Amino acid sequence: MANHKSVIKRIRQNAKRNKRNHERAHRVKTVLTKFSATLVSGVKEDIASGLRIVQSELMKAVSKGVLVKKAASRSVSRLTKKAKSILG
């Protein structure tokens, strides 16, 4: 175990950040899973609102440093393409 106060504090901070980032990443995965289920259901109003929610969560994760911006944009693009194919 560490002996310096600064190292002990750093360990506590890292644990908090790790937990927070894990929760944010899990929230994004949950939203993506729900949106996939919405796409399968085919209800147009739910797809449109779900796409906005997914995009919002992905960009929040980007702003917090959990995801890379280009990866999130790529995901949004792919999901938008799928949604538009269903919406017509």
PDB file of N, CA and C in Angstrom:
ATOM      1  N   MET A   1       0.838  -1.190   0.000  1.00  0.00           N
ATOM      2  CA  MET A   1       0.000   0.000   0.000  1.00  0.00           C
ATOM      3  C   MET A   1       0.877   1.246   0.000  1.00  0.00           C
ATOM      4  N   ALA A   2       0.353   2.328  -0.511  1.00  0.00           N
ATOM      5  CA  ALA A   2       1.103   3.571  -0.618  1.00  0.00           C
ATOM      6  C   ALA A   2       1.271   4.228   0.750  1.00  0.00           C
ATOM      7  N   ASN A   3       2.355   4.974   0.900  1.00  0.00           N
ATOM      8  CA  ASN A   3       2.638   5.641   2.166  1.00  0.00           C
ATOM      9  C   ASN A   3       2.409   7.146   2.120  1.00  0.00           C
ATOM     10  N   HIS A   4       2.397   7.723   0.932  1.00  0.00           N
ATOM     11  CA  HIS A   4       2.249   9.170   0.813  1.00  0.00           C
ATOM     12  C   HIS A   4       0.782   9.552   0.756  1.00  0.00           C
ATOM     13  N   LYS A   5       0.473  10.693   1.370  1.00  0.00           N
ATOM     14  CA  LYS A   5      -0.913  11.160   1.372  1.00  0.00           C
ATOM     15  C   LYS A   5      -1.415  11.420  -0.043  1.00  0.00           C
ATOM     16  N   SER A   6      -0.566  11.991  -0.880  1.00  0.00           N
ATOM     17  CA  SER A   6      -0.990  12.333  -2.237  1.00  0.00           C
ATOM     18  C   SER A   6      -1.320  11.078  -3.044  1.00  0.00           C
ATOM     19  N   VAL A   7      -0.580   9.998  -2.806  1.00  0.00           N
ATOM     20  CA  VAL A   7      -0.839   8.752  -3.532  1.00  0.00           C
ATOM     21  C   VAL A   7      -2.136   8.122  -3.052  1.00  0.00           C
ATOM     22  N   ILE A   8      -2.378   8.193  -1.766  1.00  0.00           N
ATOM     23  CA  ILE A   8      -3.619   7.649  -1.213  1.00  0.00           C
ATOM     24  C   ILE A   8      -4.818   8.402  -1.787  1.00  0.00           C
ATOM     25  N   LYS A   9      -4.702   9.724  -1.851  1.00  0.00           N
ATOM     26  CA  LYS A   9      -5.772  10.538  -2.427  1.00  0.00           C
ATOM     27  C   LYS A   9      -5.962  10.210  -3.900  1.00  0.00           C
ATOM     28  N   ARG A  10      -4.867  10.050  -4.642  1.00  0.00           N
ATOM     29  CA  ARG A  10      -4.945   9.729  -6.063  1.00  0.00           C
ATOM     30  C   ARG A  10      -5.661   8.400  -6.275  1.00  0.00           C
ATOM     31  N   ILE A  11      -5.402   7.435  -5.429  1.00  0.00           N
ATOM     32  CA  ILE A  11      -6.071   6.131  -5.532  1.00  0.00           C
ATOM     33  C   ILE A  11      -7.577   6.293  -5.330  1.00  0.00           C
ATOM     34  N   ARG A  12      -7.959   7.104  -4.326  1.00  0.00           N
ATOM     35  CA  ARG A  12      -9.393   7.347  -4.092  1.00  0.00           C
ATOM     36  C   ARG A  12     -10.027   8.025  -5.295  1.00  0.00           C
ATOM     37  N   GLN A  13      -9.348   9.033  -5.849  1.00  0.00           N
ATOM     38  CA  GLN A  13      -9.894   9.762  -6.994  1.00  0.00           C
ATOM     39  C   GLN A  13     -10.039   8.853  -8.213  1.00  0.00           C
ATOM     40  N   ASN A  14      -9.035   8.019  -8.445  1.00  0.00           N
ATOM     41  CA  ASN A  14      -9.094   7.103  -9.588  1.00  0.00           C
ATOM     42  C   ASN A  14     -10.250   6.125  -9.452  1.00  0.00           C
ATOM     43  N   ALA A  15     -10.486   5.652  -8.234  1.00  0.00           N
ATOM     44  CA  ALA A  15     -11.598   4.719  -8.014  1.00  0.00           C
ATOM     45  C   ALA A  15     -12.932   5.397  -8.297  1.00  0.00           C
ATOM     46  N   LYS A  16     -13.084   6.659  -7.841  1.00  0.00           N
ATOM     47  CA  LYS A  16     -14.328   7.390  -8.100  1.00  0.00           C
ATOM     48  C   LYS A  16     -14.536   7.602  -9.591  1.00  0.00           C
ATOM     49  N   ARG A  17     -13.469   8.021 -10.277  1.00  0.00           N
ATOM     50  CA  ARG A  17     -13.582   8.280 -11.713  1.00  0.00           C
ATOM     51  C   ARG A  17     -13.891   7.008 -12.490  1.00  0.00           C
ATOM     52  N   ASN A  18     -13.247   5.919 -12.084  1.00  0.00           N
ATOM     53  CA  ASN A  18     -13.477   4.643 -12.748  1.00  0.00           C
ATOM     54  C   ASN A  18     -14.940   4.245 -12.619  1.00  0.00           C
ATOM     55  N   LYS A  19     -15.493   4.392 -11.415  1.00  0.00           N
ATOM     56  CA  LYS A  19     -16.897   4.040 -11.190  1.00  0.00           C
ATOM     57  C   LYS A  19     -17.822   4.929 -12.015  1.00  0.00           C
ATOM     58  N   ARG A  20     -17.541   6.240 -12.010  1.00  0.00           N
ATOM     59  CA  ARG A  20     -18.370   7.187 -12.746  1.00  0.00           C
ATOM     60  C   ARG A  20     -18.338   6.902 -14.244  1.00  0.00           C
ATOM     61  N   ASN A  21     -17.150   6.666 -14.790  1.00  0.00           N
ATOM     62  CA  ASN A  21     -17.020   6.394 -16.224  1.00  0.00           C
ATOM     63  C   ASN A  21     -17.677   5.077 -16.597  1.00  0.00           C
ATOM     64  N   HIS A  22     -17.584   4.084 -15.717  1.00  0.00           N
ATOM     65  CA  HIS A  22     -18.230   2.798 -15.971  1.00  0.00           C
ATOM     66  C   HIS A  22     -19.744   2.977 -16.041  1.00  0.00           C
ATOM     67  N   GLU A  23     -20.297   3.781 -15.136  1.00  0.00           N
ATOM     68  CA  GLU A  23     -21.738   4.029 -15.143  1.00  0.00           C
ATOM     69  C   GLU A  23     -22.167   4.758 -16.412  1.00  0.00           C
ATOM     70  N   ARG A  24     -21.369   5.720 -16.844  1.00  0.00           N
ATOM     71  CA  ARG A  24     -21.696   6.446 -18.074  1.00  0.00           C
ATOM     72  C   ARG A  24     -21.662   5.520 -19.282  1.00  0.00           C
ATOM     73  N   ALA A  25     -20.650   4.695 -19.366  1.00  0.00           N
ATOM     74  CA  ALA A  25     -20.542   3.764 -20.494  1.00  0.00           C
ATOM     75  C   ALA A  25     -21.691   2.771 -20.474  1.00  0.00           C
ATOM     76  N   HIS A  26     -22.066   2.313 -19.290  1.00  0.00           N
ATOM     77  CA  HIS A  26     -23.169   1.358 -19.171  1.00  0.00           C
ATOM     78  C   HIS A  26     -24.490   2.008 -19.587  1.00  0.00           C
ATOM     79  N   ARG A  27     -24.666   3.285 -19.241  1.00  0.00           N
ATOM     80  CA  ARG A  27     -25.881   3.998 -19.627  1.00  0.00           C
ATOM     81  C   ARG A  27     -25.992   4.078 -21.148  1.00  0.00           C
ATOM     82  N   VAL A  28     -24.866   4.321 -21.815  1.00  0.00           N
ATOM     83  CA  VAL A  28     -24.865   4.387 -23.288  1.00  0.00           C
ATOM     84  C   VAL A  28     -25.251   3.028 -23.865  1.00  0.00           C
ATOM     85  N   LYS A  29     -24.683   1.962 -23.323  1.00  0.00           N
ATOM     86  CA  LYS A  29     -25.003   0.618 -23.817  1.00  0.00           C
ATOM     87  C   LYS A  29     -26.477   0.304 -23.628  1.00  0.00           C
ATOM     88  N   THR A  30     -27.037   0.712 -22.491  1.00  0.00           N
ATOM     89  CA  THR A  30     -28.447   0.464 -22.212  1.00  0.00           C
ATOM     90  C   THR A  30     -29.334   1.196 -23.216  1.00  0.00           C
ATOM     91  N   VAL A  31     -29.003   2.460 -23.484  1.00  0.00           N
ATOM     92  CA  VAL A  31     -29.793   3.248 -24.435  1.00  0.00           C
ATOM     93  C   VAL A  31     -29.710   2.635 -25.827  1.00  0.00           C
ATOM     94  N   LEU A  32     -28.525   2.168 -26.219  1.00  0.00           N
ATOM     95  CA  LEU A  32     -28.369   1.535 -27.532  1.00  0.00           C
ATOM     96  C   LEU A  32     -29.186   0.251 -27.629  1.00  0.00           C
ATOM     97  N   THR A  33     -29.209  -0.524 -26.561  1.00  0.00           N
ATOM     98  CA  THR A  33     -29.988  -1.768 -26.549  1.00  0.00           C
ATOM     99  C   THR A  33     -31.475  -1.473 -26.675  1.00  0.00           C
ATOM    100  N   LYS A  34     -31.947  -0.482 -25.920  1.00  0.00           N
ATOM    101  CA  LYS A  34     -33.371  -0.116 -25.998  1.00  0.00           C
ATOM    102  C   LYS A  34     -33.737   0.390 -27.387  1.00  0.00           C
ATOM    103  N   PHE A  35     -32.827   1.161 -27.993  1.00  0.00           N
ATOM    104  CA  PHE A  35     -33.102   1.683 -29.327  1.00  0.00           C
ATOM    105  C   PHE A  35     -33.142   0.553 -30.352  1.00  0.00           C
ATOM    106  N   SER A  36     -32.289  -0.444 -30.201  1.00  0.00           N
ATOM    107  CA  SER A  36     -32.316  -1.595 -31.112  1.00  0.00           C
ATOM    108  C   SER A  36     -33.652  -2.314 -31.017  1.00  0.00           C
ATOM    109  N   ALA A  37     -34.169  -2.435 -29.796  1.00  0.00           N
ATOM    110  CA  ALA A  37     -35.482  -3.055 -29.617  1.00  0.00           C
ATOM    111  C   ALA A  37     -36.573  -2.199 -30.258  1.00  0.00           C
ATOM    112  N   THR A  38     -36.424  -0.887 -30.172  1.00  0.00           N
ATOM    113  CA  THR A  38     -37.388   0.026 -30.785  1.00  0.00           C
ATOM    114  C   THR A  38     -37.360  -0.099 -32.305  1.00  0.00           C
ATOM    115  N   LEU A  39     -36.163  -0.253 -32.872  1.00  0.00           N
ATOM    116  CA  LEU A  39     -36.056  -0.424 -34.320  1.00  0.00           C
ATOM    117  C   LEU A  39     -36.778  -1.686 -34.770  1.00  0.00           C
ATOM    118  N   VAL A  40     -36.649  -2.745 -33.984  1.00  0.00           N
ATOM    119  CA  VAL A  40     -37.307  -4.014 -34.333  1.00  0.00           C
ATOM    120  C   VAL A  40     -38.817  -3.868 -34.245  1.00  0.00           C
ATOM    121  N   SER A  41     -39.296  -3.101 -33.248  1.00  0.00           N
ATOM    122  CA  SER A  41     -40.747  -2.941 -33.086  1.00  0.00           C
ATOM    123  C   SER A  41     -41.366  -2.201 -34.270  1.00  0.00           C
ATOM    124  N   GLY A  42     -40.652  -1.209 -34.806  1.00  0.00           N
ATOM    125  CA  GLY A  42     -41.116  -0.509 -36.000  1.00  0.00           C
ATOM    126  C   GLY A  42     -42.086   0.620 -35.747  1.00  0.00           C
ATOM    127  N   VAL A  43     -42.279   1.056 -34.497  1.00  0.00           N
ATOM    128  CA  VAL A  43     -43.169   2.176 -34.202  1.00  0.00           C
ATOM    129  C   VAL A  43     -42.436   3.474 -34.541  1.00  0.00           C
ATOM    130  N   LYS A  44     -42.978   4.219 -35.507  1.00  0.00           N
ATOM    131  CA  LYS A  44     -42.257   5.358 -36.076  1.00  0.00           C
ATOM    132  C   LYS A  44     -42.005   6.474 -35.067  1.00  0.00           C
ATOM    133  N   GLU A  45     -42.997   6.779 -34.213  1.00  0.00           N
ATOM    134  CA  GLU A  45     -42.814   7.857 -33.240  1.00  0.00           C
ATOM    135  C   GLU A  45     -41.721   7.496 -32.233  1.00  0.00           C
ATOM    136  N   ASP A  46     -41.716   6.237 -31.813  1.00  0.00           N
ATOM    137  CA  ASP A  46     -40.710   5.790 -30.851  1.00  0.00           C
ATOM    138  C   ASP A  46     -39.312   5.791 -31.462  1.00  0.00           C
ATOM    139  N   ILE A  47     -39.222   5.461 -32.740  1.00  0.00           N
ATOM    140  CA  ILE A  47     -37.915   5.452 -33.411  1.00  0.00           C
ATOM    141  C   ILE A  47     -37.350   6.869 -33.478  1.00  0.00           C
ATOM    142  N   ALA A  48     -38.180   7.825 -33.838  1.00  0.00           N
ATOM    143  CA  ALA A  48     -37.720   9.207 -33.962  1.00  0.00           C
ATOM    144  C   ALA A  48     -37.263   9.763 -32.613  1.00  0.00           C
ATOM    145  N   SER A  49     -38.053   9.535 -31.574  1.00  0.00           N
ATOM    146  CA  SER A  49     -37.671  10.052 -30.259  1.00  0.00           C
ATOM    147  C   SER A  49     -36.482   9.268 -29.696  1.00  0.00           C
ATOM    148  N   GLY A  50     -36.446   7.983 -29.960  1.00  0.00           N
ATOM    149  CA  GLY A  50     -35.340   7.155 -29.481  1.00  0.00           C
ATOM    150  C   GLY A  50     -34.018   7.546 -30.101  1.00  0.00           C
ATOM    151  N   LEU A  51     -34.044   7.927 -31.360  1.00  0.00           N
ATOM    152  CA  LEU A  51     -32.826   8.352 -32.045  1.00  0.00           C
ATOM    153  C   LEU A  51     -32.261   9.618 -31.405  1.00  0.00           C
ATOM    154  N   ARG A  52     -33.151  10.549 -31.041  1.00  0.00           N
ATOM    155  CA  ARG A  52     -32.697  11.769 -30.365  1.00  0.00           C
ATOM    156  C   ARG A  52     -32.059  11.438 -29.016  1.00  0.00           C
ATOM    157  N   ILE A  53     -32.658  10.517 -28.284  1.00  0.00           N
ATOM    158  CA  ILE A  53     -32.130  10.137 -26.974  1.00  0.00           C
ATOM    159  C   ILE A  53     -30.763   9.477 -27.120  1.00  0.00           C
ATOM    160  N   VAL A  54     -30.641   8.581 -28.091  1.00  0.00           N
ATOM    161  CA  VAL A  54     -29.368   7.892 -28.315  1.00  0.00           C
ATOM    162  C   VAL A  54     -28.278   8.889 -28.686  1.00  0.00           C
ATOM    163  N   GLN A  55     -28.594   9.785 -29.590  1.00  0.00           N
ATOM    164  CA  GLN A  55     -27.609  10.775 -30.016  1.00  0.00           C
ATOM    165  C   GLN A  55     -27.180  11.646 -28.839  1.00  0.00           C
ATOM    166  N   SER A  56     -28.127  12.040 -28.017  1.00  0.00           N
ATOM    167  CA  SER A  56     -27.819  12.861 -26.854  1.00  0.00           C
ATOM    168  C   SER A  56     -26.898  12.127 -25.882  1.00  0.00           C
ATOM    169  N   GLU A  57     -27.211  10.870 -25.582  1.00  0.00           N
ATOM    170  CA  GLU A  57     -26.390  10.100 -24.642  1.00  0.00           C
ATOM    171  C   GLU A  57     -24.980   9.871 -25.188  1.00  0.00           C
ATOM    172  N   LEU A  58     -24.876   9.588 -26.477  1.00  0.00           N
ATOM    173  CA  LEU A  58     -23.559   9.376 -27.067  1.00  0.00           C
ATOM    174  C   LEU A  58     -22.710  10.644 -26.988  1.00  0.00           C
ATOM    175  N   MET A  59     -23.308  11.783 -27.290  1.00  0.00           N
ATOM    176  CA  MET A  59     -22.538  13.022 -27.260  1.00  0.00           C
ATOM    177  C   MET A  59     -22.205  13.452 -25.830  1.00  0.00           C
ATOM    178  N   LYS A  60     -23.069  13.125 -24.873  1.00  0.00           N
ATOM    179  CA  LYS A  60     -22.737  13.386 -23.472  1.00  0.00           C
ATOM    180  C   LYS A  60     -21.517  12.556 -23.064  1.00  0.00           C
ATOM    181  N   ALA A  61     -21.492  11.308 -23.503  1.00  0.00           N
ATOM    182  CA  ALA A  61     -20.356  10.445 -23.191  1.00  0.00           C
ATOM    183  C   ALA A  61     -19.078  10.982 -23.828  1.00  0.00           C
ATOM    184  N   VAL A  62     -19.201  11.556 -25.020  1.00  0.00           N
ATOM    185  CA  VAL A  62     -18.040  12.154 -25.682  1.00  0.00           C
ATOM    186  C   VAL A  62     -17.545  13.350 -24.881  1.00  0.00           C
ATOM    187  N   SER A  63     -18.459  14.199 -24.448  1.00  0.00           N
ATOM    188  CA  SER A  63     -18.055  15.397 -23.714  1.00  0.00           C
ATOM    189  C   SER A  63     -17.425  15.057 -22.370  1.00  0.00           C
ATOM    190  N   LYS A  64     -17.784  13.911 -21.798  1.00  0.00           N
ATOM    191  CA  LYS A  64     -17.204  13.485 -20.525  1.00  0.00           C
ATOM    192  C   LYS A  64     -15.927  12.674 -20.711  1.00  0.00           C
ATOM    193  N   GLY A  65     -15.574  12.375 -21.952  1.00  0.00           N
ATOM    194  CA  GLY A  65     -14.328  11.661 -22.210  1.00  0.00           C
ATOM    195  C   GLY A  65     -14.443  10.154 -22.158  1.00  0.00           C
ATOM    196  N   VAL A  66     -15.659   9.627 -22.141  1.00  0.00           N
ATOM    197  CA  VAL A  66     -15.856   8.178 -22.084  1.00  0.00           C
ATOM    198  C   VAL A  66     -15.703   7.561 -23.466  1.00  0.00           C
ATOM    199  N   LEU A  67     -16.174   8.262 -24.487  1.00  0.00           N
ATOM    200  CA  LEU A  67     -16.089   7.786 -25.864  1.00  0.00           C
ATOM    201  C   LEU A  67     -15.280   8.764 -26.708  1.00  0.00           C
ATOM    202  N   VAL A  68     -14.766   8.253 -27.809  1.00  0.00           N
ATOM    203  CA  VAL A  68     -14.068   9.091 -28.783  1.00  0.00           C
ATOM    204  C   VAL A  68     -15.117   9.703 -29.714  1.00  0.00           C
ATOM    205  N   LYS A  69     -14.934  10.952 -30.073  1.00  0.00           N
ATOM    206  CA  LYS A  69     -15.935  11.672 -30.849  1.00  0.00           C
ATOM    207  C   LYS A  69     -16.229  11.017 -32.192  1.00  0.00           C
ATOM    208  N   LYS A  70     -15.196  10.596 -32.900  1.00  0.00           N
ATOM    209  CA  LYS A  70     -15.417   9.992 -34.217  1.00  0.00           C
ATOM    210  C   LYS A  70     -16.168   8.665 -34.105  1.00  0.00           C
ATOM    211  N   ALA A  71     -15.902   7.902 -33.056  1.00  0.00           N
ATOM    212  CA  ALA A  71     -16.605   6.630 -32.861  1.00  0.00           C
ATOM    213  C   ALA A  71     -18.081   6.878 -32.582  1.00  0.00           C
ATOM    214  N   ALA A  72     -18.369   7.877 -31.755  1.00  0.00           N
ATOM    215  CA  ALA A  72     -19.762   8.206 -31.450  1.00  0.00           C
ATOM    216  C   ALA A  72     -20.482   8.720 -32.695  1.00  0.00           C
ATOM    217  N   SER A  73     -19.814   9.556 -33.475  1.00  0.00           N
ATOM    218  CA  SER A  73     -20.419  10.088 -34.696  1.00  0.00           C
ATOM    219  C   SER A  73     -20.703   8.967 -35.696  1.00  0.00           C
ATOM    220  N   ARG A  74     -19.790   8.018 -35.758  1.00  0.00           N
ATOM    221  CA  ARG A  74     -19.983   6.873 -36.642  1.00  0.00           C
ATOM    222  C   ARG A  74     -21.208   6.068 -36.206  1.00  0.00           C
ATOM    223  N   SER A  75     -21.359   5.867 -34.908  1.00  0.00           N
ATOM    224  CA  SER A  75     -22.518   5.134 -34.392  1.00  0.00           C
ATOM    225  C   SER A  75     -23.812   5.875 -34.691  1.00  0.00           C
ATOM    226  N   VAL A  76     -23.810   7.186 -34.476  1.00  0.00           N
ATOM    227  CA  VAL A  76     -25.002   7.990 -34.755  1.00  0.00           C
ATOM    228  C   VAL A  76     -25.361   7.898 -36.229  1.00  0.00           C
ATOM    229  N   SER A  77     -24.355   7.959 -37.088  1.00  0.00           N
ATOM    230  CA  SER A  77     -24.594   7.889 -38.524  1.00  0.00           C
ATOM    231  C   SER A  77     -25.229   6.555 -38.916  1.00  0.00           C
ATOM    232  N   ARG A  78     -24.686   5.486 -38.380  1.00  0.00           N
ATOM    233  CA  ARG A  78     -25.219   4.157 -38.711  1.00  0.00           C
ATOM    234  C   ARG A  78     -26.649   3.980 -38.196  1.00  0.00           C
ATOM    235  N   LEU A  79     -26.897   4.445 -36.967  1.00  0.00           N
ATOM    236  CA  LEU A  79     -28.245   4.319 -36.404  1.00  0.00           C
ATOM    237  C   LEU A  79     -29.239   5.190 -37.156  1.00  0.00           C
ATOM    238  N   THR A  80     -28.808   6.369 -37.582  1.00  0.00           N
ATOM    239  CA  THR A  80     -29.689   7.243 -38.362  1.00  0.00           C
ATOM    240  C   THR A  80     -30.041   6.597 -39.690  1.00  0.00           C
ATOM    241  N   LYS A  81     -29.065   5.965 -40.291  1.00  0.00           N
ATOM    242  CA  LYS A  81     -29.310   5.284 -41.565  1.00  0.00           C
ATOM    243  C   LYS A  81     -30.326   4.157 -41.398  1.00  0.00           C
ATOM    244  N   LYS A  82     -30.185   3.382 -40.322  1.00  0.00           N
ATOM    245  CA  LYS A  82     -31.141   2.302 -40.048  1.00  0.00           C
ATOM    246  C   LYS A  82     -32.529   2.855 -39.769  1.00  0.00           C
ATOM    247  N   ALA A  83     -32.599   3.931 -38.997  1.00  0.00           N
ATOM    248  CA  ALA A  83     -33.890   4.534 -38.655  1.00  0.00           C
ATOM    249  C   ALA A  83     -34.576   5.071 -39.907  1.00  0.00           C
ATOM    250  N   LYS A  84     -33.817   5.725 -40.783  1.00  0.00           N
ATOM    251  CA  LYS A  84     -34.409   6.284 -42.002  1.00  0.00           C
ATOM    252  C   LYS A  84     -34.897   5.187 -42.934  1.00  0.00           C
ATOM    253  N   SER A  85     -34.204   4.052 -42.945  1.00  0.00           N
ATOM    254  CA  SER A  85     -34.675   2.965 -43.806  1.00  0.00           C
ATOM    255  C   SER A  85     -36.011   2.420 -43.315  1.00  0.00           C
ATOM    256  N   ILE A  86     -36.220   2.440 -42.012  1.00  0.00           N
ATOM    257  CA  ILE A  86     -37.502   1.956 -41.466  1.00  0.00           C
ATOM    258  C   ILE A  86     -38.585   3.018 -41.601  1.00  0.00           C
ATOM    259  N   LEU A  87     -38.205   4.279 -41.339  1.00  0.00           N
ATOM    260  CA  LEU A  87     -39.191   5.359 -41.404  1.00  0.00           C
ATOM    261  C   LEU A  87     -39.634   5.663 -42.834  1.00  0.00           C
ATOM    262  N   GLY A  88     -38.764   5.376 -43.773  1.00  0.00           N
ATOM    263  CA  GLY A  88     -39.134   5.535 -45.168  1.00  0.00           C
ATOM    264  C   GLY A  88     -38.923   6.855 -45.760  1.00  0.00           C
TER     265      GLY A  88
END
